[in-house]
Amino acid sequence: MKTPSPGLDPRVLWSAQAEDTAPDHAKSADAFGRIADVVVIGAGFTGLACALDLARSGRDVVVLEAARVGAGASGRNGGLLIPGLRREPGHYVRLLGETRTRHLVQMAESARATLVALVDDGLECDWHPGGHVQAAVHRGDVDMLAREVEALHRLSHTSIHILSREEVGAHVPEPGYAGGTLDTAGGWLQPFRLCTGLAHRVRAAGGTVIEHCPVLSIGAGAVVTQRGPMRARAIVVASDAYTGGIGGGPAPDLAARIMPVGNQIVATEPLGARLEAILPTRAAVSDTRFVLDYYRPTRDGRLVFGGGENYTPRPPRDVAAFVRPFLQRTFASLKGVALTHAWHGVVSVTRSRDPVIGRRDGVYWALGYSGQGIVLAHLGGRLLAQAIMGDEGGVDIAARLAPARFPGGPLARDPLYVAGMAWYALRDRLGGLLSG
């Protein structure tokens, strides 16, 4: 195992496996003395995907990151690549109509294809195209999944298929799921390496990435940072759960549309033959609980497992002890297994679980992916880049989703979150009773 470089979190498996990135101090200093075409706030998937498209088009783009590249959810998540959109197809058809929904589905598939093309072009991030299984916890979930698959096929998302109880058992034998789906376009990857690889590509294309540069406020063509002011013709807000600390412009309104929530992940010791027994096809898996569990193998034979009912966005005192019961609920055979890494991350959710994407007066934003951030964040970043380059159609379609604000302001969000999570956890349990 590599020794993590200063500033990287050794509790996160991905950081412990990673090599550091070397900042370009000369270009960083120069960025404060010119008017950039675009300033991007946030060096996660959204900001870096947006910056890469812009830099490759010849735009002068500067990415500002408060901490390190990939320090937020983009570099700390489970690394499951789940194709498609966050909600069931009927939700989008009701909001957008079938034609716009079909276009949105196609844009999401294009974002995934662009990401995989980067990997095929040498961006090393342990990409494993082994598919994504969504496992039905209750019998009633199987009919729901079947309806979703039928609707997705009508919208030309044809890589997903329904699985019987026996077929899902071929991917995950132990839990005894009622059925599920397999999307062959899914898989898993090392998310921190993807972030650092994207940052390298942005720099290679002529862009600037500045770390340890928190943004304090934004205004008309101006960005105020802790290291000084910066001017730009366009500003991109890609800071997701951390957007609340940015004042001015649309940021206060954006912060009201998201709720930062905590998530916990553990990595086991290398499992050897036990990994083959519990995940014989090495697919990425998530289940149908609202407070879902999700897991995938790693290249070195570990199981990475995340989820559980956490009623606060703050981390539990002992992450490993918190997650272990949920791990053992799914895999009883792993009782007592050594957990070598355990970490906490913060993501943002919206009331509708749709992302917040839009533009106004030279400011563009994409955030609020509600736990499905790899493909959707790349979609958001690419839509913003296209809009800045003159093609605003995709952003304007996504903006129609417009999740509502959370009521009551920041002080009300923790109680709302606790109440909401408790309700959905109860619904998960009742689903099992009602399904028999």
Protein backbone atom coordinates (compact mmCIF):
# COMPACT_ATOMS: atom_id res chain seq x y z
CA MET A 1 0.00 0.00 0.00
CA LYS A 2 1.31 3.45 -0.89
CA THR A 3 1.84 5.96 1.90
CA PRO A 4 -0.65 8.76 1.26
CA SER A 5 0.80 12.15 0.50
CA PRO A 6 0.24 15.05 2.91
CA GLY A 7 -3.29 16.36 2.68
CA LEU A 8 -4.82 13.03 1.63
CA ASP A 9 -7.05 11.13 4.07
CA PRO A 10 -5.49 7.73 4.94
CA ARG A 11 -8.86 6.44 6.18
CA VAL A 12 -10.14 6.52 2.58
CA LEU A 13 -9.02 3.43 0.66
CA TRP A 14 -8.83 5.37 -2.61
CA SER A 15 -6.54 8.04 -1.14
CA ALA A 16 -4.33 5.42 0.48
CA GLN A 17 -3.85 3.82 -2.94
CA ALA A 18 -3.18 7.11 -4.76
CA GLU A 19 -0.20 9.18 -5.67
CA ASP A 20 -0.26 12.92 -5.09
CA THR A 21 -0.77 15.55 -7.77
CA ALA A 22 1.79 18.30 -8.29
CA PRO A 23 0.27 21.81 -8.34
CA ASP A 24 1.38 24.28 -11.00
CA HIS A 25 2.27 27.28 -8.83
CA ALA A 26 3.35 29.47 -11.75
CA LYS A 27 0.01 29.12 -13.58
CA SER A 28 -1.88 29.49 -10.29
CA ALA A 29 -0.30 32.88 -9.58
CA ASP A 30 -0.94 34.05 -13.14
CA ALA A 31 -4.66 33.21 -12.86
CA PHE A 32 -5.24 36.07 -10.41
CA GLY A 33 -3.86 38.66 -12.82
CA ARG A 34 -6.09 38.13 -15.85
CA ILE A 35 -9.71 37.86 -16.88
CA ALA A 36 -10.36 34.15 -17.45
CA ASP A 37 -12.97 32.94 -19.89
CA VAL A 38 -14.42 30.64 -17.21
CA VAL A 39 -13.80 30.10 -13.49
CA VAL A 40 -15.04 26.73 -12.22
CA ILE A 41 -15.64 26.33 -8.47
CA GLY A 42 -15.01 22.74 -7.37
CA ALA A 43 -12.50 20.12 -8.55
CA GLY A 44 -14.81 17.12 -8.43
CA PHE A 45 -16.38 15.27 -11.34
CA THR A 46 -18.71 18.11 -12.38
CA GLY A 47 -16.12 20.85 -12.34
CA LEU A 48 -13.36 18.81 -13.96
CA ALA A 49 -15.60 17.38 -16.70
CA CYS A 50 -16.82 20.89 -17.48
CA ALA A 51 -13.28 22.33 -17.42
CA LEU A 52 -11.90 19.58 -19.66
CA ASP A 53 -14.46 20.20 -22.40
CA LEU A 54 -13.86 23.96 -22.16
CA ALA A 55 -10.06 23.71 -22.16
CA ARG A 56 -10.12 21.38 -25.16
CA SER A 57 -12.24 23.95 -26.99
CA GLY A 58 -9.54 26.58 -26.42
CA ARG A 59 -11.20 28.45 -23.53
CA ASP A 60 -9.04 29.91 -20.77
CA VAL A 61 -10.47 27.99 -17.81
CA VAL A 62 -9.45 28.08 -14.14
CA VAL A 63 -10.65 25.48 -11.61
CA LEU A 64 -10.68 26.53 -7.94
CA GLU A 65 -10.72 23.86 -5.23
CA ALA A 66 -11.06 24.65 -1.52
CA ALA A 67 -9.08 21.58 -0.47
CA ARG A 68 -7.54 18.98 -2.78
CA VAL A 69 -8.64 17.60 -6.14
CA GLY A 70 -11.16 14.88 -5.30
CA ALA A 71 -11.33 15.77 -1.60
CA GLY A 72 -15.14 15.87 -1.59
CA ALA A 73 -17.69 13.25 -2.57
CA SER A 74 -16.18 12.68 -6.03
CA GLY A 75 -13.01 11.20 -4.53
CA ARG A 76 -14.65 9.48 -1.55
CA ASN A 77 -17.65 7.66 -3.01
CA GLY A 78 -18.05 3.93 -3.53
CA GLY A 79 -17.02 4.07 -7.17
CA LEU A 80 -20.16 2.43 -8.62
CA LEU A 81 -20.82 3.60 -12.16
CA ILE A 82 -24.60 3.48 -12.47
CA PRO A 83 -25.91 4.44 -15.93
CA GLY A 84 -28.99 6.52 -16.54
CA LEU A 85 -30.91 9.05 -14.47
CA ARG A 86 -31.69 9.15 -10.75
CA ARG A 87 -35.48 8.61 -10.84
CA GLU A 88 -37.83 6.22 -12.60
CA PRO A 89 -38.61 7.08 -16.26
CA GLY A 90 -42.26 7.99 -15.63
CA HIS A 91 -41.18 10.79 -13.30
CA TYR A 92 -39.26 12.49 -16.12
CA VAL A 93 -41.96 11.89 -18.71
CA ARG A 94 -44.49 13.59 -16.43
CA LEU A 95 -42.20 16.61 -15.94
CA LEU A 96 -40.65 16.91 -19.41
CA GLY A 97 -42.71 14.90 -21.86
CA GLU A 98 -41.41 11.86 -23.71
CA THR A 99 -39.38 13.72 -26.34
CA ARG A 100 -37.36 15.75 -23.82
CA THR A 101 -36.98 12.73 -21.55
CA ARG A 102 -35.60 10.68 -24.45
CA HIS A 103 -33.12 13.49 -25.16
CA LEU A 104 -32.07 13.62 -21.49
CA VAL A 105 -31.56 9.83 -21.42
CA GLN A 106 -29.45 10.05 -24.56
CA MET A 107 -27.35 12.86 -23.07
CA ALA A 108 -26.72 10.76 -19.95
CA GLU A 109 -25.63 7.84 -22.12
CA SER A 110 -23.36 10.16 -24.10
CA ALA A 111 -21.77 11.42 -20.85
CA ARG A 112 -21.06 7.85 -19.79
CA ALA A 113 -19.60 7.02 -23.22
CA THR A 114 -17.35 10.10 -23.07
CA LEU A 115 -16.09 9.06 -19.65
CA VAL A 116 -15.33 5.51 -20.81
CA ALA A 117 -13.58 6.92 -23.90
CA LEU A 118 -11.26 8.89 -21.58
CA VAL A 119 -10.45 5.67 -19.72
CA ASP A 120 -9.81 3.86 -23.01
CA ASP A 121 -7.48 6.73 -23.96
CA GLY A 122 -5.24 5.99 -20.98
CA LEU A 123 -6.90 7.60 -17.96
CA GLU A 124 -6.12 4.94 -15.37
CA CYS A 125 -8.83 4.50 -12.73
CA ASP A 126 -9.25 0.70 -12.35
CA TRP A 127 -12.32 0.72 -14.61
CA HIS A 128 -14.12 -2.63 -14.53
CA PRO A 129 -17.06 -2.87 -16.98
CA GLY A 130 -18.73 -5.73 -15.13
CA GLY A 131 -22.23 -4.28 -15.05
CA HIS A 132 -24.44 -2.82 -12.32
CA VAL A 133 -27.00 -4.98 -10.53
CA GLN A 134 -29.92 -3.38 -8.73
CA ALA A 135 -31.13 -6.01 -6.29
CA ALA A 136 -34.78 -6.18 -5.22
CA VAL A 137 -35.02 -6.49 -1.43
CA HIS A 138 -38.77 -7.23 -1.43
CA ARG A 139 -40.99 -9.15 -3.84
CA GLY A 140 -43.02 -6.02 -4.54
CA ASP A 141 -39.88 -4.30 -5.81
CA VAL A 142 -39.55 -6.77 -8.69
CA ASP A 143 -42.74 -5.57 -10.42
CA MET A 144 -41.61 -1.97 -9.96
CA LEU A 145 -38.25 -2.75 -11.58
CA ALA A 146 -39.94 -4.59 -14.46
CA ARG A 147 -42.06 -1.50 -15.21
CA GLU A 148 -38.97 0.69 -15.14
CA VAL A 149 -37.07 -1.59 -17.53
CA GLU A 150 -39.98 -1.61 -19.98
CA ALA A 151 -40.16 2.21 -19.87
CA LEU A 152 -36.39 2.57 -20.29
CA HIS A 153 -36.44 0.34 -23.36
CA ARG A 154 -39.08 2.62 -24.88
CA LEU A 155 -36.69 5.53 -24.26
CA SER A 156 -33.83 3.66 -26.02
CA HIS A 157 -31.94 2.75 -22.84
CA THR A 158 -31.53 -0.88 -23.88
CA SER A 159 -28.50 -1.99 -21.84
CA ILE A 160 -30.68 -2.81 -18.81
CA HIS A 161 -32.53 -6.13 -18.32
CA ILE A 162 -34.73 -7.68 -15.65
CA LEU A 163 -33.33 -10.54 -13.54
CA SER A 164 -35.24 -13.36 -11.89
CA ARG A 165 -34.48 -14.49 -8.33
CA GLU A 166 -32.19 -17.19 -9.73
CA GLU A 167 -30.45 -14.81 -12.13
CA VAL A 168 -29.71 -12.18 -9.50
CA GLY A 169 -28.48 -15.00 -7.28
CA ALA A 170 -25.86 -15.82 -9.91
CA HIS A 171 -24.39 -12.35 -9.25
CA VAL A 172 -25.00 -12.20 -5.48
CA PRO A 173 -25.80 -15.65 -4.05
CA GLU A 174 -25.85 -14.95 -0.32
CA PRO A 175 -28.51 -12.31 0.47
CA GLY A 176 -31.43 -14.09 -1.25
CA TYR A 177 -32.75 -11.12 -3.22
CA ALA A 178 -36.20 -11.41 -4.80
CA GLY A 179 -34.95 -10.41 -8.27
CA GLY A 180 -33.39 -7.35 -9.82
CA THR A 181 -31.93 -5.74 -12.91
CA LEU A 182 -28.59 -5.84 -14.68
CA ASP A 183 -27.34 -2.83 -16.64
CA THR A 184 -24.42 -4.04 -18.73
CA ALA A 185 -23.26 -0.44 -19.28
CA GLY A 186 -22.44 -0.14 -15.57
CA GLY A 187 -19.44 -1.17 -13.56
CA TRP A 188 -17.02 0.19 -10.99
CA LEU A 189 -13.86 2.29 -10.85
CA GLN A 190 -11.44 4.02 -8.47
CA PRO A 191 -13.03 7.46 -8.05
CA PHE A 192 -10.07 9.34 -6.59
CA ARG A 193 -7.83 8.24 -9.45
CA LEU A 194 -10.53 9.35 -11.87
CA CYS A 195 -10.52 12.81 -10.27
CA THR A 196 -6.75 13.21 -10.36
CA GLY A 197 -6.66 11.84 -13.91
CA LEU A 198 -9.25 14.38 -15.03
CA ALA A 199 -7.24 17.17 -13.36
CA HIS A 200 -4.13 16.08 -15.28
CA ARG A 201 -6.12 16.13 -18.52
CA VAL A 202 -7.43 19.64 -17.78
CA ARG A 203 -3.89 20.90 -17.21
CA ALA A 204 -2.60 19.11 -20.32
CA ALA A 205 -5.32 20.86 -22.36
CA GLY A 206 -4.15 24.26 -21.11
CA GLY A 207 -6.45 24.75 -18.13
CA THR A 208 -5.40 25.75 -14.62
CA VAL A 209 -6.33 23.84 -11.46
CA ILE A 210 -5.71 25.66 -8.17
CA GLU A 211 -5.99 23.72 -4.90
CA HIS A 212 -6.36 25.13 -1.36
CA CYS A 213 -8.25 28.15 -2.68
CA PRO A 214 -11.67 28.48 -0.97
CA VAL A 215 -14.19 30.73 -2.68
CA LEU A 216 -15.91 33.25 -0.39
CA SER A 217 -18.37 34.88 -2.78
CA ILE A 218 -19.29 35.33 -6.40
CA GLY A 219 -20.82 38.28 -8.23
CA ALA A 220 -21.12 39.73 -11.71
CA GLY A 221 -17.99 38.44 -13.40
CA ALA A 222 -16.10 38.34 -10.10
CA VAL A 223 -14.96 35.56 -7.76
CA VAL A 224 -13.56 36.41 -4.32
CA THR A 225 -11.25 33.77 -2.85
CA GLN A 226 -9.19 33.54 0.31
CA ARG A 227 -6.15 34.15 -1.88
CA GLY A 228 -7.54 37.21 -3.62
CA PRO A 229 -10.12 38.27 -6.23
CA MET A 230 -10.43 36.80 -9.71
CA ARG A 231 -12.38 37.95 -12.77
CA ALA A 232 -14.13 35.77 -15.33
CA ARG A 233 -16.54 36.04 -18.24
CA ALA A 234 -18.48 33.03 -16.92
CA ILE A 235 -18.62 31.30 -13.53
CA VAL A 236 -19.47 27.64 -12.90
CA VAL A 237 -20.65 26.52 -9.45
CA ALA A 238 -19.75 22.82 -9.13
CA SER A 239 -19.27 22.56 -5.37
CA ASP A 240 -22.25 20.27 -4.59
CA ALA A 241 -22.69 19.74 -0.82
CA TYR A 242 -20.19 22.51 -0.04
CA THR A 243 -22.05 25.24 -1.92
CA GLY A 244 -23.52 26.74 1.27
CA GLY A 245 -20.25 28.48 2.10
CA ILE A 246 -20.27 30.53 -1.10
CA GLY A 247 -22.12 33.84 -0.88
CA GLY A 248 -23.43 36.14 -3.57
CA GLY A 249 -24.95 35.50 -6.98
CA PRO A 250 -27.28 32.49 -7.08
CA ALA A 251 -25.37 30.57 -4.39
CA PRO A 252 -27.74 31.27 -1.46
CA ASP A 253 -30.65 30.09 -3.59
CA LEU A 254 -28.69 27.00 -4.66
CA ALA A 255 -27.82 26.15 -1.06
CA ALA A 256 -31.53 26.21 -0.18
CA ARG A 257 -32.25 23.54 -2.83
CA ILE A 258 -29.83 20.94 -1.45
CA MET A 259 -29.36 19.20 1.86
CA PRO A 260 -25.87 17.92 2.76
CA VAL A 261 -26.09 14.37 4.10
CA GLY A 262 -23.50 11.96 5.43
CA ASN A 263 -22.61 8.56 4.08
CA GLN A 264 -20.29 5.90 5.45
CA ILE A 265 -18.15 3.37 3.56
CA VAL A 266 -15.84 0.57 4.66
CA ALA A 267 -13.32 -1.62 2.89
CA THR A 268 -12.54 -5.14 4.04
CA GLU A 269 -9.21 -6.86 4.12
CA PRO A 270 -8.41 -8.79 0.90
CA LEU A 271 -10.87 -11.70 0.91
CA GLY A 272 -9.23 -14.24 -1.36
CA ALA A 273 -11.61 -17.04 -2.33
CA ARG A 274 -14.39 -15.57 -0.18
CA LEU A 275 -14.81 -12.72 -2.67
CA GLU A 276 -15.50 -15.17 -5.49
CA ALA A 277 -18.15 -16.82 -3.31
CA ILE A 278 -20.07 -13.64 -2.48
CA LEU A 279 -19.64 -11.78 -5.82
CA PRO A 280 -18.87 -14.41 -8.47
CA THR A 281 -19.36 -12.06 -11.45
CA ARG A 282 -17.63 -9.08 -9.75
CA ALA A 283 -20.52 -6.76 -10.62
CA ALA A 284 -21.31 -3.54 -8.79
CA VAL A 285 -24.48 -3.90 -6.70
CA SER A 286 -26.99 -1.59 -5.01
CA ASP A 287 -30.34 -2.55 -3.52
CA THR A 288 -33.85 -1.10 -3.68
CA ARG A 289 -34.02 0.28 -0.14
CA PHE A 290 -34.56 4.03 -0.03
CA VAL A 291 -31.69 4.16 2.48
CA LEU A 292 -29.80 1.83 0.20
CA ASP A 293 -26.81 -0.41 0.68
CA TYR A 294 -24.27 -0.68 -2.15
CA TYR A 295 -21.06 -2.59 -2.70
CA ARG A 296 -18.44 -3.71 -5.19
CA PRO A 297 -15.14 -5.58 -5.30
CA THR A 298 -11.73 -3.99 -5.81
CA ARG A 299 -8.79 -4.95 -7.98
CA ASP A 300 -6.91 -6.27 -4.95
CA GLY A 301 -9.76 -8.50 -3.78
CA ARG A 302 -11.50 -6.40 -1.12
CA LEU A 303 -15.19 -5.67 -0.70
CA VAL A 304 -16.13 -1.99 -0.48
CA PHE A 305 -19.51 -1.57 1.23
CA GLY A 306 -21.51 1.59 1.92
CA GLY A 307 -24.86 2.65 3.25
CA GLY A 308 -26.94 2.22 6.35
CA GLU A 309 -29.48 4.38 8.13
CA ASN A 310 -27.63 7.44 9.36
CA TYR A 311 -29.90 10.09 10.89
CA THR A 312 -27.44 12.98 10.75
CA PRO A 313 -25.12 14.42 8.08
CA ARG A 314 -22.28 14.33 10.62
CA PRO A 315 -20.07 11.23 10.89
CA PRO A 316 -20.68 8.62 13.58
CA ARG A 317 -18.00 8.33 16.22
CA ASP A 318 -16.85 4.97 14.86
CA VAL A 319 -17.59 4.57 11.15
CA ALA A 320 -16.53 0.91 11.00
CA ALA A 321 -18.75 -0.04 13.95
CA PHE A 322 -21.65 1.86 12.38
CA VAL A 323 -21.43 0.13 8.99
CA ARG A 324 -20.59 -3.40 10.17
CA PRO A 325 -24.19 -4.43 11.08
CA PHE A 326 -25.40 -3.44 7.62
CA LEU A 327 -22.52 -5.32 5.99
CA GLN A 328 -23.33 -8.43 8.02
CA ARG A 329 -27.07 -8.09 7.31
CA THR A 330 -26.18 -8.60 3.64
CA PHE A 331 -23.22 -10.97 4.01
CA ALA A 332 -23.51 -13.09 7.15
CA SER A 333 -20.45 -15.03 6.00
CA LEU A 334 -18.33 -11.90 6.57
CA LYS A 335 -19.11 -11.67 10.28
CA GLY A 336 -15.97 -10.53 12.04
CA VAL A 337 -14.07 -9.72 8.84
CA ALA A 338 -11.31 -7.15 9.30
CA LEU A 339 -12.19 -3.66 8.05
CA THR A 340 -8.97 -1.94 7.02
CA HIS A 341 -10.49 1.39 5.96
CA ALA A 342 -13.61 3.24 7.10
CA TRP A 343 -14.54 6.73 6.03
CA HIS A 344 -17.24 9.37 5.92
CA GLY A 345 -18.32 11.60 3.05
CA VAL A 346 -20.91 14.30 2.44
CA VAL A 347 -23.19 14.40 -0.58
CA SER A 348 -26.14 16.62 -1.34
CA VAL A 349 -29.70 15.48 -1.93
CA THR A 350 -32.66 17.42 -3.28
CA ARG A 351 -36.33 17.13 -2.39
CA SER A 352 -37.15 15.42 -5.69
CA ARG A 353 -33.77 13.60 -6.01
CA ASP A 354 -33.30 15.44 -9.34
CA PRO A 355 -30.12 17.48 -9.82
CA VAL A 356 -30.12 21.27 -9.68
CA ILE A 357 -28.85 22.42 -13.10
CA GLY A 358 -29.24 25.88 -14.62
CA ARG A 359 -27.80 29.24 -15.64
CA ARG A 360 -28.42 32.91 -14.98
CA ASP A 361 -26.52 36.11 -15.85
CA GLY A 362 -23.23 34.43 -16.68
CA VAL A 363 -23.34 31.97 -13.75
CA TYR A 364 -23.88 28.25 -14.43
CA TRP A 365 -24.43 25.46 -11.91
CA ALA A 366 -24.91 21.69 -11.54
CA LEU A 367 -25.20 19.95 -8.16
CA GLY A 368 -27.53 17.82 -6.02
CA TYR A 369 -26.99 14.37 -7.57
CA SER A 370 -28.54 12.60 -4.56
CA GLY A 371 -26.06 9.74 -4.43
CA GLN A 372 -25.71 8.87 -8.13
CA GLY A 373 -22.89 11.20 -8.94
CA ILE A 374 -20.41 9.60 -11.34
CA VAL A 375 -22.44 9.58 -14.56
CA LEU A 376 -24.79 12.40 -13.55
CA ALA A 377 -21.93 14.68 -12.49
CA HIS A 378 -20.21 14.14 -15.83
CA LEU A 379 -23.52 14.86 -17.52
CA GLY A 380 -23.93 18.06 -15.50
CA GLY A 381 -20.40 19.22 -16.25
CA ARG A 382 -20.70 18.56 -19.97
CA LEU A 383 -24.09 20.31 -20.18
CA LEU A 384 -22.61 23.41 -18.55
CA ALA A 385 -19.63 23.39 -20.91
CA GLN A 386 -21.93 23.07 -23.91
CA ALA A 387 -24.06 25.97 -22.67
CA ILE A 388 -21.02 28.21 -22.18
CA MET A 389 -19.92 27.33 -25.72
CA GLY A 390 -23.34 28.33 -27.10
CA ASP A 391 -25.46 25.15 -27.03
CA GLU A 392 -27.87 25.85 -24.17
CA GLY A 393 -30.53 23.26 -25.06
CA GLY A 394 -29.36 20.53 -22.70
CA VAL A 395 -29.04 22.81 -19.68
CA ASP A 396 -32.46 24.28 -20.37
CA ILE A 397 -34.05 20.82 -20.46
CA ALA A 398 -32.36 19.82 -17.20
CA ALA A 399 -33.35 23.15 -15.62
CA ARG A 400 -37.01 22.19 -16.07
CA LEU A 401 -36.56 19.58 -13.32
CA ALA A 402 -36.06 22.47 -10.82
CA PRO A 403 -36.12 20.76 -7.38
CA ALA A 404 -37.98 22.83 -4.78
CA ARG A 405 -36.23 24.58 -1.91
CA PHE A 406 -36.07 22.94 1.50
CA PRO A 407 -38.29 24.94 3.86
CA GLY A 408 -37.10 26.77 6.94
CA GLY A 409 -33.50 27.64 6.07
CA PRO A 410 -30.28 25.98 7.28
CA LEU A 411 -31.38 25.60 10.92
CA ALA A 412 -34.33 23.43 9.90
CA ARG A 413 -32.39 21.05 7.67
CA ASP A 414 -30.98 18.70 10.32
CA PRO A 415 -34.41 18.04 11.91
CA LEU A 416 -35.96 17.64 8.45
CA TYR A 417 -33.26 15.21 7.45
CA VAL A 418 -33.65 13.14 10.63
CA ALA A 419 -37.43 12.97 10.21
CA GLY A 420 -37.19 12.11 6.53
CA MET A 421 -34.60 9.36 6.98
CA ALA A 422 -36.57 7.83 9.86
CA TRP A 423 -39.73 7.77 7.72
CA TYR A 424 -38.05 6.13 4.74
CA ALA A 425 -36.25 3.61 6.95
CA LEU A 426 -39.64 2.67 8.40
CA ARG A 427 -41.07 2.38 4.89
CA ASP A 428 -38.22 0.02 3.94
CA ARG A 429 -39.11 -2.23 6.89
CA LEU A 430 -42.86 -2.09 6.21
CA GLY A 431 -42.16 -3.03 2.59
CA GLY A 432 -40.73 -6.31 3.79
CA LEU A 433 -43.73 -7.02 6.02
CA LEU A 434 -46.25 -6.12 3.33
CA SER A 435 -44.40 -8.27 0.76
CA GLY A 436 -44.54 -11.23 3.08
